[in-house]
């Protein structure tokens, strides 16, 4: 989807300032939010792409005013309400007002901790041969989906070169709306800075993105 979250190449936000010796969490509640998201995902309430979609769907004035984990918290709240695991009345009351909806994998327990601390495997068997190979010149489609996508706006319509075939993986655009895994080939594509930003760009700049096959067409 096109939203304020897709900030690559946008002007006016200033440079990213690194925080020296930045802690993992700035406040205790941030750790609790991360734990809630991981626990509900492990219990089968949603997948990683769905959770990203809900954070992206926050209203622009809210998204821009929130810290990182505030976005996580508000996205989680909206997602759990939409999926019926909690209600707006529960949120207003600060506790459950009605019996909870059953979780796909049951309640999260300490026995699940080791499993969810290991990154999931997203590689899948392909249903067709890869369309592109390293060295092929491709163009990112000028697409504007209404739901989640991993194709940043700043590369859409621009041409680059396939650098690497990363294998076949779950397609986030489908997974985010719970339309199945729909595995697709994934490539690393390199774009020249001048192609993306115009003649005023540093001619030595190159930008690499990982792009799924449905995002690309032959250039």
N, C-alpha and C. Protein backbone atom coordinates (compact mmCIF):
# COMPACT_ATOMS: atom_id res chain seq x y z
N UNK A 1 0.84 -1.19 0.00
CA UNK A 1 0.00 0.00 0.00
C UNK A 1 0.88 1.24 0.00
N UNK A 2 0.35 2.33 -0.53
CA UNK A 2 1.05 3.61 -0.48
C UNK A 2 0.68 4.31 0.83
N UNK A 3 1.67 4.60 1.63
CA UNK A 3 1.39 5.23 2.91
C UNK A 3 2.60 5.99 3.40
N UNK A 4 2.43 6.68 4.52
CA UNK A 4 3.51 7.50 5.06
C UNK A 4 4.66 6.64 5.56
N UNK A 5 4.41 5.35 5.79
CA UNK A 5 5.47 4.47 6.27
C UNK A 5 6.56 4.27 5.21
N UNK A 6 6.20 4.42 3.93
CA UNK A 6 7.14 4.17 2.83
C UNK A 6 7.94 5.44 2.58
N UNK A 7 8.94 5.70 3.42
CA UNK A 7 9.62 6.99 3.45
C UNK A 7 10.88 7.05 2.59
N UNK A 8 11.28 5.94 2.00
CA UNK A 8 12.49 5.94 1.19
C UNK A 8 12.44 6.98 0.09
N UNK A 9 13.46 7.84 0.04
CA UNK A 9 13.53 8.84 -1.00
C UNK A 9 12.70 10.09 -0.77
N UNK A 10 11.97 10.14 0.36
CA UNK A 10 11.15 11.32 0.64
C UNK A 10 12.01 12.41 1.28
N UNK A 11 11.71 13.67 0.93
CA UNK A 11 12.45 14.81 1.46
C UNK A 11 11.78 15.37 2.72
N UNK A 12 12.56 16.08 3.51
CA UNK A 12 11.99 16.85 4.61
C UNK A 12 12.01 16.19 5.96
N UNK A 13 12.52 14.96 6.05
CA UNK A 13 12.54 14.28 7.33
C UNK A 13 13.91 14.30 8.01
N UNK A 14 14.90 14.89 7.34
CA UNK A 14 16.23 14.97 7.93
C UNK A 14 16.96 13.64 7.86
N UNK A 15 18.21 13.66 8.27
CA UNK A 15 19.00 12.44 8.21
C UNK A 15 18.73 11.57 9.43
N UNK A 16 19.04 10.29 9.31
CA UNK A 16 18.90 9.36 10.43
C UNK A 16 20.05 9.59 11.40
N UNK A 17 19.71 9.90 12.63
CA UNK A 17 20.72 10.16 13.65
C UNK A 17 20.90 8.91 14.51
N UNK A 18 22.09 8.32 14.45
CA UNK A 18 22.37 7.14 15.27
C UNK A 18 22.54 7.55 16.73
N UNK A 19 21.99 6.76 17.63
CA UNK A 19 22.11 7.02 19.06
C UNK A 19 23.27 6.20 19.62
N UNK A 20 24.33 6.83 20.11
CA UNK A 20 25.46 6.07 20.66
C UNK A 20 25.03 5.18 21.82
N UNK A 21 25.50 3.94 21.80
CA UNK A 21 25.19 2.99 22.88
C UNK A 21 23.69 2.87 23.13
N UNK A 22 22.94 2.84 22.06
CA UNK A 22 21.48 2.78 22.18
C UNK A 22 21.06 1.49 22.89
N UNK A 23 20.18 1.59 23.89
CA UNK A 23 19.71 0.38 24.58
C UNK A 23 18.72 -0.39 23.71
N UNK A 24 18.53 -1.65 24.01
CA UNK A 24 17.55 -2.45 23.27
C UNK A 24 16.16 -1.84 23.43
N UNK A 25 15.80 -1.48 24.65
CA UNK A 25 14.53 -0.82 24.94
C UNK A 25 14.81 0.44 25.74
N UNK A 26 14.12 1.53 25.39
CA UNK A 26 14.30 2.77 26.12
C UNK A 26 13.46 2.82 27.39
N UNK A 27 12.36 2.07 27.39
CA UNK A 27 11.51 1.98 28.57
C UNK A 27 11.00 0.55 28.70
N UNK A 28 10.65 0.15 29.92
CA UNK A 28 10.24 -1.24 30.16
C UNK A 28 9.02 -1.63 29.33
N UNK A 29 8.09 -0.70 29.10
CA UNK A 29 6.87 -1.05 28.38
C UNK A 29 7.16 -1.49 26.95
N UNK A 30 8.27 -1.00 26.38
CA UNK A 30 8.60 -1.39 25.01
C UNK A 30 8.89 -2.88 24.93
N UNK A 31 9.60 -3.40 25.90
CA UNK A 31 9.87 -4.83 25.94
C UNK A 31 8.60 -5.65 26.08
N UNK A 32 7.66 -5.14 26.87
CA UNK A 32 6.39 -5.85 27.05
C UNK A 32 5.58 -5.87 25.75
N UNK A 33 5.63 -4.77 25.01
CA UNK A 33 4.93 -4.73 23.72
C UNK A 33 5.53 -5.75 22.76
N UNK A 34 6.84 -5.79 22.68
CA UNK A 34 7.47 -6.77 21.80
C UNK A 34 7.09 -8.18 22.23
N UNK A 35 7.07 -8.45 23.53
CA UNK A 35 6.71 -9.78 24.02
C UNK A 35 5.27 -10.12 23.66
N UNK A 36 4.36 -9.16 23.75
CA UNK A 36 2.96 -9.42 23.39
C UNK A 36 2.83 -9.78 21.91
N UNK A 37 3.53 -9.02 21.06
CA UNK A 37 3.47 -9.28 19.62
C UNK A 37 4.01 -10.67 19.31
N UNK A 38 5.17 -11.00 19.90
CA UNK A 38 5.77 -12.32 19.65
C UNK A 38 4.88 -13.45 20.18
N UNK A 39 4.30 -13.24 21.37
CA UNK A 39 3.47 -14.28 21.97
C UNK A 39 2.21 -14.52 21.17
N UNK A 40 1.54 -13.45 20.72
CA UNK A 40 0.30 -13.63 19.96
C UNK A 40 0.58 -14.22 18.58
N UNK A 41 1.72 -13.85 17.99
CA UNK A 41 2.10 -14.48 16.73
C UNK A 41 2.38 -15.96 16.90
N UNK A 42 3.08 -16.31 17.98
CA UNK A 42 3.39 -17.72 18.25
C UNK A 42 2.13 -18.52 18.52
N UNK A 43 1.12 -17.87 19.07
CA UNK A 43 -0.14 -18.55 19.37
C UNK A 43 -1.05 -18.68 18.15
N UNK A 44 -0.61 -18.10 17.03
CA UNK A 44 -1.35 -18.26 15.78
C UNK A 44 -2.37 -17.19 15.49
N UNK A 45 -2.28 -16.03 16.18
CA UNK A 45 -3.27 -14.97 15.95
C UNK A 45 -3.04 -14.26 14.62
N UNK A 46 -1.80 -14.27 14.12
CA UNK A 46 -1.47 -13.55 12.88
C UNK A 46 -0.08 -13.96 12.44
N UNK A 47 0.30 -13.55 11.22
CA UNK A 47 1.66 -13.79 10.73
C UNK A 47 2.42 -12.47 10.66
N UNK A 48 3.71 -12.52 10.42
CA UNK A 48 4.56 -11.33 10.46
C UNK A 48 4.14 -10.29 9.43
N UNK A 49 3.68 -10.73 8.26
CA UNK A 49 3.30 -9.78 7.23
C UNK A 49 2.00 -9.07 7.58
N UNK A 50 1.08 -9.78 8.24
CA UNK A 50 -0.15 -9.14 8.70
C UNK A 50 0.16 -8.07 9.74
N UNK A 51 1.08 -8.38 10.65
CA UNK A 51 1.41 -7.40 11.69
C UNK A 51 2.05 -6.16 11.07
N UNK A 52 2.89 -6.35 10.06
CA UNK A 52 3.48 -5.20 9.38
C UNK A 52 2.38 -4.36 8.70
N UNK A 53 1.44 -5.01 8.08
CA UNK A 53 0.36 -4.32 7.38
C UNK A 53 -0.43 -3.43 8.33
N UNK A 54 -0.71 -3.92 9.53
CA UNK A 54 -1.49 -3.13 10.48
C UNK A 54 -0.69 -1.92 10.97
N UNK A 55 0.60 -2.06 11.14
CA UNK A 55 1.39 -0.89 11.53
C UNK A 55 1.42 0.14 10.40
N UNK A 56 1.51 -0.34 9.17
CA UNK A 56 1.51 0.56 8.01
C UNK A 56 0.17 1.29 7.84
N UNK A 57 -0.89 0.68 8.37
CA UNK A 57 -2.24 1.22 8.17
C UNK A 57 -2.61 2.31 9.17
N UNK A 58 -1.73 2.59 10.12
CA UNK A 58 -2.00 3.67 11.06
C UNK A 58 -2.16 5.00 10.30
N UNK A 59 -3.05 5.85 10.78
CA UNK A 59 -3.25 7.15 10.13
C UNK A 59 -1.94 7.93 10.12
N UNK A 60 -1.66 8.68 9.06
CA UNK A 60 -0.38 9.39 8.95
C UNK A 60 -0.03 10.26 10.15
N UNK A 61 -1.00 11.00 10.68
CA UNK A 61 -0.68 11.88 11.80
C UNK A 61 -0.33 11.10 13.06
N UNK A 62 -0.85 9.87 13.16
CA UNK A 62 -0.50 9.01 14.29
C UNK A 62 0.86 8.36 14.04
N UNK A 63 1.04 7.84 12.84
CA UNK A 63 2.29 7.16 12.50
C UNK A 63 3.50 8.06 12.72
N UNK A 64 3.41 9.29 12.23
CA UNK A 64 4.55 10.21 12.31
C UNK A 64 4.82 10.69 13.72
N UNK A 65 3.81 10.65 14.58
CA UNK A 65 3.97 11.15 15.95
C UNK A 65 4.41 10.05 16.92
N UNK A 66 4.42 8.81 16.47
CA UNK A 66 4.68 7.67 17.36
C UNK A 66 6.14 7.23 17.31
N UNK A 67 6.60 6.70 18.43
CA UNK A 67 7.89 6.03 18.45
C UNK A 67 7.72 4.64 17.85
N UNK A 68 8.83 3.94 17.67
CA UNK A 68 8.82 2.61 17.04
C UNK A 68 7.85 1.65 17.74
N UNK A 69 7.99 1.51 19.05
CA UNK A 69 7.16 0.53 19.75
C UNK A 69 5.75 1.04 20.01
N UNK A 70 5.52 2.33 19.95
CA UNK A 70 4.14 2.81 19.96
C UNK A 70 3.41 2.34 18.70
N UNK A 71 4.10 2.35 17.56
CA UNK A 71 3.50 1.82 16.33
C UNK A 71 3.18 0.33 16.50
N UNK A 72 4.11 -0.42 17.10
CA UNK A 72 3.87 -1.84 17.33
C UNK A 72 2.62 -2.03 18.20
N UNK A 73 2.52 -1.24 19.26
CA UNK A 73 1.40 -1.39 20.20
C UNK A 73 0.07 -1.07 19.52
N UNK A 74 -0.01 0.06 18.83
CA UNK A 74 -1.26 0.47 18.20
C UNK A 74 -1.65 -0.47 17.06
N UNK A 75 -0.66 -0.93 16.30
CA UNK A 75 -0.94 -1.90 15.24
C UNK A 75 -1.47 -3.20 15.82
N UNK A 76 -0.86 -3.67 16.91
CA UNK A 76 -1.32 -4.90 17.57
C UNK A 76 -2.75 -4.74 18.07
N UNK A 77 -3.02 -3.62 18.71
CA UNK A 77 -4.37 -3.37 19.23
C UNK A 77 -5.41 -3.41 18.12
N UNK A 78 -5.16 -2.70 17.02
CA UNK A 78 -6.11 -2.68 15.90
C UNK A 78 -6.30 -4.07 15.32
N UNK A 79 -5.20 -4.81 15.18
CA UNK A 79 -5.25 -6.14 14.59
C UNK A 79 -6.06 -7.10 15.46
N UNK A 80 -5.84 -7.08 16.77
CA UNK A 80 -6.54 -8.00 17.66
C UNK A 80 -8.03 -7.66 17.74
N UNK A 81 -8.37 -6.38 17.64
CA UNK A 81 -9.79 -6.00 17.60
C UNK A 81 -10.43 -6.49 16.31
N UNK A 82 -9.77 -6.24 15.17
CA UNK A 82 -10.33 -6.65 13.88
C UNK A 82 -10.52 -8.15 13.80
N UNK A 83 -9.61 -8.91 14.42
CA UNK A 83 -9.67 -10.37 14.35
C UNK A 83 -10.52 -10.98 15.46
N UNK A 84 -11.07 -10.15 16.32
CA UNK A 84 -11.99 -10.63 17.33
C UNK A 84 -11.37 -11.23 18.57
N UNK A 85 -10.07 -11.02 18.76
CA UNK A 85 -9.43 -11.57 19.96
C UNK A 85 -9.67 -10.68 21.18
N UNK A 86 -9.87 -9.39 20.94
CA UNK A 86 -10.27 -8.45 21.97
C UNK A 86 -11.32 -7.52 21.36
N UNK A 87 -11.95 -6.72 22.20
CA UNK A 87 -12.93 -5.77 21.69
C UNK A 87 -12.55 -4.36 22.12
N UNK A 88 -13.16 -3.38 21.47
CA UNK A 88 -12.93 -2.00 21.86
C UNK A 88 -13.36 -1.77 23.31
N UNK A 89 -14.40 -2.49 23.74
CA UNK A 89 -14.85 -2.38 25.12
C UNK A 89 -13.79 -2.90 26.09
N UNK A 90 -13.09 -3.99 25.70
CA UNK A 90 -11.99 -4.50 26.53
C UNK A 90 -10.91 -3.45 26.70
N UNK A 91 -10.57 -2.79 25.59
CA UNK A 91 -9.51 -1.78 25.62
C UNK A 91 -9.93 -0.61 26.52
N UNK A 92 -11.18 -0.16 26.37
CA UNK A 92 -11.66 0.96 27.16
C UNK A 92 -11.68 0.63 28.65
N UNK A 93 -12.04 -0.62 28.97
CA UNK A 93 -12.13 -1.04 30.37
C UNK A 93 -10.77 -1.38 30.97
N UNK A 94 -9.82 -1.73 30.10
CA UNK A 94 -8.51 -2.12 30.60
C UNK A 94 -8.44 -3.56 31.04
N UNK A 95 -9.48 -4.32 30.73
CA UNK A 95 -9.50 -5.75 31.07
C UNK A 95 -10.56 -6.42 30.18
N UNK A 96 -10.58 -7.75 30.19
CA UNK A 96 -11.52 -8.48 29.35
C UNK A 96 -12.95 -8.29 29.84
N UNK A 97 -13.84 -7.96 28.91
CA UNK A 97 -15.26 -7.80 29.22
C UNK A 97 -16.07 -9.01 28.81
N UNK A 98 -15.47 -9.88 28.01
CA UNK A 98 -16.16 -11.07 27.52
C UNK A 98 -15.14 -12.17 27.28
N UNK A 99 -15.58 -13.42 27.16
CA UNK A 99 -14.64 -14.54 26.94
C UNK A 99 -13.79 -14.32 25.70
N UNK A 100 -12.55 -14.71 25.77
CA UNK A 100 -11.61 -14.52 24.65
C UNK A 100 -11.87 -15.53 23.54
N UNK A 101 -11.62 -15.09 22.32
CA UNK A 101 -11.70 -15.99 21.17
C UNK A 101 -10.55 -17.00 21.24
N UNK A 102 -10.80 -18.28 20.94
CA UNK A 102 -9.72 -19.28 21.00
C UNK A 102 -8.60 -18.96 20.03
N UNK A 103 -7.37 -19.25 20.45
CA UNK A 103 -6.20 -19.04 19.62
C UNK A 103 -5.90 -20.28 18.80
N UNK A 104 -5.39 -20.07 17.59
CA UNK A 104 -5.13 -21.16 16.66
C UNK A 104 -4.24 -22.23 17.26
N UNK A 105 -3.18 -21.83 17.98
CA UNK A 105 -2.25 -22.79 18.56
C UNK A 105 -2.37 -22.87 20.08
N UNK A 106 -3.44 -22.34 20.61
CA UNK A 106 -3.61 -22.36 22.05
C UNK A 106 -2.80 -21.27 22.73
N UNK A 107 -2.85 -21.24 24.03
CA UNK A 107 -2.16 -20.21 24.78
C UNK A 107 -0.64 -20.36 24.66
N UNK A 108 0.02 -19.24 24.66
CA UNK A 108 1.49 -19.21 24.64
C UNK A 108 2.01 -19.62 26.02
N UNK A 109 2.97 -20.53 26.04
CA UNK A 109 3.56 -20.99 27.30
C UNK A 109 5.08 -20.88 27.22
N UNK A 110 5.74 -21.12 28.35
CA UNK A 110 7.20 -21.09 28.38
C UNK A 110 7.80 -22.12 27.44
N UNK A 111 7.08 -23.20 27.20
CA UNK A 111 7.59 -24.24 26.29
C UNK A 111 7.69 -23.75 24.85
N UNK A 112 6.97 -22.66 24.54
CA UNK A 112 7.01 -22.09 23.18
C UNK A 112 8.17 -21.13 22.98
N UNK A 113 8.82 -20.73 24.08
CA UNK A 113 9.79 -19.65 24.00
C UNK A 113 10.94 -19.97 23.06
N UNK A 114 11.52 -21.14 23.18
CA UNK A 114 12.66 -21.50 22.34
C UNK A 114 12.27 -21.50 20.86
N UNK A 115 11.06 -21.98 20.57
CA UNK A 115 10.60 -22.04 19.18
C UNK A 115 10.48 -20.66 18.57
N UNK A 116 9.91 -19.71 19.30
CA UNK A 116 9.67 -18.41 18.67
C UNK A 116 10.91 -17.53 18.66
N UNK A 117 11.94 -17.90 19.41
CA UNK A 117 13.17 -17.11 19.38
C UNK A 117 14.06 -17.48 18.20
N UNK A 118 13.67 -18.50 17.46
CA UNK A 118 14.40 -18.90 16.26
C UNK A 118 13.64 -18.37 15.04
N UNK A 119 14.34 -17.67 14.19
CA UNK A 119 13.69 -17.07 13.03
C UNK A 119 13.07 -18.14 12.15
N UNK A 120 11.84 -17.90 11.72
CA UNK A 120 11.13 -18.86 10.89
C UNK A 120 11.78 -19.02 9.52
N UNK A 121 11.47 -20.13 8.88
CA UNK A 121 11.98 -20.41 7.54
C UNK A 121 10.89 -20.07 6.53
N UNK A 122 11.22 -19.19 5.58
CA UNK A 122 10.22 -18.70 4.64
C UNK A 122 10.45 -19.24 3.22
N UNK A 123 11.51 -20.01 3.03
CA UNK A 123 11.76 -20.61 1.72
C UNK A 123 10.74 -21.68 1.40
N UNK A 124 10.32 -21.75 0.14
CA UNK A 124 9.32 -22.72 -0.29
C UNK A 124 9.71 -23.28 -1.67
N UNK A 125 9.13 -24.41 -2.01
CA UNK A 125 9.38 -25.00 -3.32
C UNK A 125 8.67 -24.17 -4.40
N UNK A 126 9.36 -23.89 -5.51
CA UNK A 126 8.74 -23.09 -6.57
C UNK A 126 7.73 -23.90 -7.37
N UNK A 127 6.76 -23.22 -7.94
CA UNK A 127 5.77 -23.88 -8.80
C UNK A 127 6.12 -23.70 -10.28
N UNK A 128 7.12 -22.84 -10.56
CA UNK A 128 7.54 -22.59 -11.95
C UNK A 128 9.00 -22.14 -11.93
N UNK A 129 9.70 -22.27 -13.05
CA UNK A 129 11.09 -21.80 -13.11
C UNK A 129 11.19 -20.30 -12.90
N UNK A 130 12.34 -19.85 -12.43
CA UNK A 130 12.57 -18.42 -12.26
C UNK A 130 12.54 -17.73 -13.62
N UNK A 131 11.90 -16.58 -13.67
CA UNK A 131 11.78 -15.84 -14.93
C UNK A 131 13.06 -15.08 -15.25
N UNK A 132 13.79 -14.65 -14.22
CA UNK A 132 14.97 -13.81 -14.42
C UNK A 132 16.21 -14.49 -13.86
N UNK A 133 17.37 -14.03 -14.34
CA UNK A 133 18.66 -14.57 -13.89
C UNK A 133 19.62 -13.40 -13.65
N UNK A 134 20.70 -13.61 -12.89
CA UNK A 134 21.67 -12.54 -12.67
C UNK A 134 22.16 -11.95 -13.99
N UNK A 135 22.20 -10.63 -14.04
CA UNK A 135 22.61 -9.93 -15.26
C UNK A 135 21.45 -9.42 -16.08
N UNK A 136 20.24 -9.94 -15.85
CA UNK A 136 19.07 -9.47 -16.60
C UNK A 136 18.71 -8.05 -16.18
N UNK A 137 18.34 -7.26 -17.15
CA UNK A 137 17.86 -5.91 -16.87
C UNK A 137 16.35 -5.96 -16.68
N UNK A 138 15.88 -5.42 -15.57
CA UNK A 138 14.46 -5.49 -15.24
C UNK A 138 13.96 -4.10 -14.85
N UNK A 139 12.65 -3.97 -14.85
CA UNK A 139 12.03 -2.72 -14.41
C UNK A 139 11.03 -3.04 -13.29
N UNK A 140 11.08 -2.26 -12.22
CA UNK A 140 10.10 -2.42 -11.15
C UNK A 140 8.75 -1.90 -11.64
N UNK A 141 7.74 -2.69 -11.48
CA UNK A 141 6.42 -2.30 -11.96
C UNK A 141 5.92 -1.03 -11.24
N UNK A 142 5.23 -0.19 -11.97
CA UNK A 142 4.63 1.00 -11.37
C UNK A 142 3.27 0.61 -10.81
N UNK A 143 3.33 -0.07 -9.66
CA UNK A 143 2.13 -0.65 -9.05
C UNK A 143 1.76 0.11 -7.79
N UNK A 144 0.46 0.10 -7.48
CA UNK A 144 -0.03 0.82 -6.30
C UNK A 144 -1.09 -0.03 -5.60
N UNK A 145 -0.67 -1.14 -5.00
CA UNK A 145 -1.64 -2.02 -4.34
C UNK A 145 -2.27 -1.35 -3.13
N UNK A 146 -3.51 -1.75 -2.84
CA UNK A 146 -4.23 -1.17 -1.70
C UNK A 146 -3.82 -1.81 -0.38
N UNK A 147 -3.13 -2.95 -0.46
CA UNK A 147 -2.73 -3.64 0.76
C UNK A 147 -1.20 -3.73 0.82
N UNK A 148 -0.68 -4.58 1.67
CA UNK A 148 0.76 -4.64 1.96
C UNK A 148 1.58 -5.04 0.74
N UNK A 149 2.72 -4.39 0.58
CA UNK A 149 3.69 -4.79 -0.43
C UNK A 149 5.08 -4.46 0.09
N UNK A 150 6.08 -5.18 -0.41
CA UNK A 150 7.47 -4.93 -0.02
C UNK A 150 8.22 -4.16 -1.09
N UNK A 151 7.52 -3.69 -2.12
CA UNK A 151 8.17 -2.92 -3.18
C UNK A 151 8.11 -1.43 -2.85
N UNK A 152 9.25 -0.80 -2.53
CA UNK A 152 9.21 0.63 -2.17
C UNK A 152 8.83 1.50 -3.35
N UNK A 153 8.16 2.60 -3.05
CA UNK A 153 7.69 3.48 -4.11
C UNK A 153 8.82 4.07 -4.94
N UNK A 154 9.96 4.36 -4.30
CA UNK A 154 11.00 5.11 -5.02
C UNK A 154 11.65 4.31 -6.15
N UNK A 155 11.45 2.99 -6.20
CA UNK A 155 12.01 2.22 -7.33
C UNK A 155 10.97 1.92 -8.40
N UNK A 156 9.71 2.16 -8.13
CA UNK A 156 8.67 1.79 -9.08
C UNK A 156 8.81 2.57 -10.38
N UNK A 157 8.78 1.84 -11.48
CA UNK A 157 8.95 2.45 -12.80
C UNK A 157 10.39 2.60 -13.24
N UNK A 158 11.34 2.24 -12.37
CA UNK A 158 12.76 2.39 -12.68
C UNK A 158 13.40 1.05 -13.02
N UNK A 159 14.46 1.13 -13.83
CA UNK A 159 15.14 -0.07 -14.31
C UNK A 159 16.41 -0.35 -13.50
N UNK A 160 16.67 -1.63 -13.27
CA UNK A 160 17.88 -2.06 -12.58
C UNK A 160 18.34 -3.39 -13.13
N UNK A 161 19.32 -3.97 -12.48
CA UNK A 161 19.91 -5.23 -12.95
C UNK A 161 19.82 -6.28 -11.84
N UNK A 162 19.38 -7.47 -12.21
CA UNK A 162 19.32 -8.57 -11.25
C UNK A 162 20.74 -8.97 -10.87
N UNK A 163 21.03 -8.95 -9.60
CA UNK A 163 22.35 -9.32 -9.10
C UNK A 163 22.38 -10.74 -8.59
N UNK A 164 21.25 -11.20 -8.01
CA UNK A 164 21.25 -12.50 -7.36
C UNK A 164 19.85 -13.07 -7.28
N UNK A 165 19.73 -14.37 -7.46
CA UNK A 165 18.47 -15.08 -7.23
C UNK A 165 18.52 -15.61 -5.79
N UNK A 166 17.60 -15.17 -4.95
CA UNK A 166 17.59 -15.54 -3.54
C UNK A 166 16.71 -16.74 -3.24
N UNK A 167 16.17 -17.38 -4.27
CA UNK A 167 15.31 -18.54 -4.06
C UNK A 167 13.85 -18.16 -4.03
N UNK A 168 13.02 -19.13 -3.71
CA UNK A 168 11.57 -18.95 -3.71
C UNK A 168 11.07 -18.86 -2.27
N UNK A 169 10.26 -17.85 -1.97
CA UNK A 169 9.82 -17.61 -0.60
C UNK A 169 8.33 -17.26 -0.54
N UNK A 170 7.79 -17.32 0.66
CA UNK A 170 6.42 -16.86 0.90
C UNK A 170 6.27 -15.43 0.38
N UNK A 171 5.17 -15.17 -0.31
CA UNK A 171 4.94 -13.84 -0.89
C UNK A 171 4.22 -12.96 0.14
N UNK A 172 4.90 -11.93 0.68
CA UNK A 172 4.30 -11.13 1.75
C UNK A 172 2.98 -10.48 1.36
N UNK A 173 2.83 -10.08 0.11
CA UNK A 173 1.61 -9.40 -0.32
C UNK A 173 0.39 -10.29 -0.13
N UNK A 174 0.56 -11.61 -0.34
CA UNK A 174 -0.54 -12.55 -0.13
C UNK A 174 -0.70 -12.91 1.34
N UNK A 175 0.43 -13.16 2.01
CA UNK A 175 0.38 -13.57 3.41
C UNK A 175 -0.24 -12.50 4.30
N UNK A 176 0.02 -11.23 3.99
CA UNK A 176 -0.45 -10.14 4.83
C UNK A 176 -1.97 -10.08 4.91
N UNK A 177 -2.65 -10.48 3.85
CA UNK A 177 -4.11 -10.46 3.84
C UNK A 177 -4.68 -11.86 4.00
N UNK A 178 -3.82 -12.78 4.46
CA UNK A 178 -4.20 -14.16 4.75
C UNK A 178 -4.81 -14.85 3.54
N UNK A 179 -4.17 -14.61 2.37
CA UNK A 179 -4.61 -15.22 1.12
C UNK A 179 -3.72 -16.39 0.73
N UNK A 180 -3.00 -16.96 1.69
CA UNK A 180 -2.12 -18.09 1.43
C UNK A 180 -0.69 -17.67 1.21
N UNK A 181 0.20 -18.66 1.14
CA UNK A 181 1.64 -18.37 1.03
C UNK A 181 2.04 -17.90 -0.36
N UNK A 182 1.42 -18.44 -1.41
CA UNK A 182 1.66 -18.00 -2.79
C UNK A 182 3.15 -17.78 -3.06
N UNK A 183 4.01 -18.80 -2.91
CA UNK A 183 5.47 -18.61 -3.03
C UNK A 183 5.89 -17.99 -4.36
N UNK A 184 6.87 -17.09 -4.28
CA UNK A 184 7.38 -16.39 -5.46
C UNK A 184 8.89 -16.31 -5.40
N UNK A 185 9.52 -16.24 -6.59
CA UNK A 185 10.97 -16.05 -6.65
C UNK A 185 11.34 -14.67 -6.13
N UNK A 186 12.48 -14.61 -5.45
CA UNK A 186 12.96 -13.36 -4.85
C UNK A 186 14.35 -13.05 -5.40
N UNK A 187 14.56 -11.80 -5.82
CA UNK A 187 15.83 -11.40 -6.42
C UNK A 187 16.40 -10.16 -5.71
N UNK A 188 17.73 -10.05 -5.72
CA UNK A 188 18.38 -8.79 -5.38
C UNK A 188 18.56 -8.02 -6.69
N UNK A 189 18.03 -6.79 -6.71
CA UNK A 189 18.10 -5.95 -7.90
C UNK A 189 18.86 -4.67 -7.54
N UNK A 190 19.83 -4.30 -8.39
CA UNK A 190 20.65 -3.12 -8.15
C UNK A 190 20.24 -2.00 -9.10
N UNK A 191 20.02 -0.80 -8.52
CA UNK A 191 19.64 0.38 -9.29
C UNK A 191 20.74 1.43 -9.18
N UNK A 192 21.04 2.11 -10.28
CA UNK A 192 21.96 3.25 -10.24
C UNK A 192 21.24 4.44 -9.59
N UNK A 193 21.99 5.20 -8.80
CA UNK A 193 21.42 6.38 -8.17
C UNK A 193 20.85 7.36 -9.16
N UNK A 194 21.53 7.55 -10.29
CA UNK A 194 21.05 8.49 -11.31
C UNK A 194 19.71 8.04 -11.86
N UNK A 195 19.53 6.73 -12.00
CA UNK A 195 18.25 6.20 -12.48
C UNK A 195 17.12 6.52 -11.52
N UNK A 196 17.43 6.47 -10.23
CA UNK A 196 16.39 6.70 -9.21
C UNK A 196 16.16 8.18 -8.92
N UNK A 197 17.26 8.94 -8.81
CA UNK A 197 17.16 10.30 -8.30
C UNK A 197 17.42 11.39 -9.34
N UNK A 198 17.84 10.98 -10.55
CA UNK A 198 18.07 11.96 -11.60
C UNK A 198 19.53 12.39 -11.72
N UNK A 199 19.78 13.33 -12.61
CA UNK A 199 21.14 13.74 -12.96
C UNK A 199 21.90 14.37 -11.80
N UNK A 200 21.20 14.91 -10.81
CA UNK A 200 21.86 15.55 -9.67
C UNK A 200 22.38 14.54 -8.66
N UNK A 201 22.06 13.27 -8.84
CA UNK A 201 22.50 12.24 -7.89
C UNK A 201 24.00 11.98 -8.03
N UNK A 202 24.60 11.52 -6.95
CA UNK A 202 26.00 11.07 -6.97
C UNK A 202 26.10 9.89 -7.95
N UNK A 203 26.89 9.99 -9.01
CA UNK A 203 26.95 8.92 -10.02
C UNK A 203 27.54 7.62 -9.50
N UNK A 204 28.16 7.65 -8.32
CA UNK A 204 28.74 6.42 -7.76
C UNK A 204 27.74 5.66 -6.88
N UNK A 205 26.58 6.25 -6.61
CA UNK A 205 25.60 5.63 -5.71
C UNK A 205 24.87 4.50 -6.41
N UNK A 206 24.76 3.37 -5.71
CA UNK A 206 23.94 2.25 -6.18
C UNK A 206 23.06 1.81 -5.02
N UNK A 207 21.83 1.42 -5.32
CA UNK A 207 20.87 0.99 -4.31
C UNK A 207 20.42 -0.43 -4.65
N UNK A 208 20.51 -1.31 -3.67
CA UNK A 208 20.07 -2.69 -3.85
C UNK A 208 18.79 -2.93 -3.06
N UNK A 209 17.82 -3.59 -3.68
CA UNK A 209 16.62 -4.01 -2.96
C UNK A 209 16.37 -5.48 -3.27
N UNK A 210 15.63 -6.14 -2.40
CA UNK A 210 15.17 -7.50 -2.66
C UNK A 210 13.73 -7.41 -3.17
N UNK A 211 13.50 -7.92 -4.37
CA UNK A 211 12.21 -7.75 -5.03
C UNK A 211 11.65 -9.10 -5.49
N UNK A 212 10.40 -9.34 -5.18
CA UNK A 212 9.74 -10.56 -5.62
C UNK A 212 9.38 -10.47 -7.11
N UNK A 213 9.32 -11.63 -7.75
CA UNK A 213 9.12 -11.68 -9.20
C UNK A 213 7.88 -10.92 -9.67
N UNK A 214 6.74 -10.97 -8.97
CA UNK A 214 5.58 -10.21 -9.46
C UNK A 214 5.79 -8.70 -9.47
N UNK A 215 6.83 -8.22 -8.81
CA UNK A 215 7.13 -6.79 -8.81
C UNK A 215 7.90 -6.35 -10.06
N UNK A 216 8.39 -7.32 -10.84
CA UNK A 216 9.35 -7.00 -11.90
C UNK A 216 8.83 -7.36 -13.28
N UNK A 217 9.35 -6.66 -14.28
CA UNK A 217 9.11 -6.99 -15.67
C UNK A 217 10.43 -6.79 -16.43
N UNK A 218 10.55 -7.42 -17.57
CA UNK A 218 11.77 -7.25 -18.36
C UNK A 218 11.88 -5.81 -18.82
N UNK A 219 13.10 -5.26 -18.77
CA UNK A 219 13.32 -3.86 -19.19
C UNK A 219 13.83 -3.84 -20.63
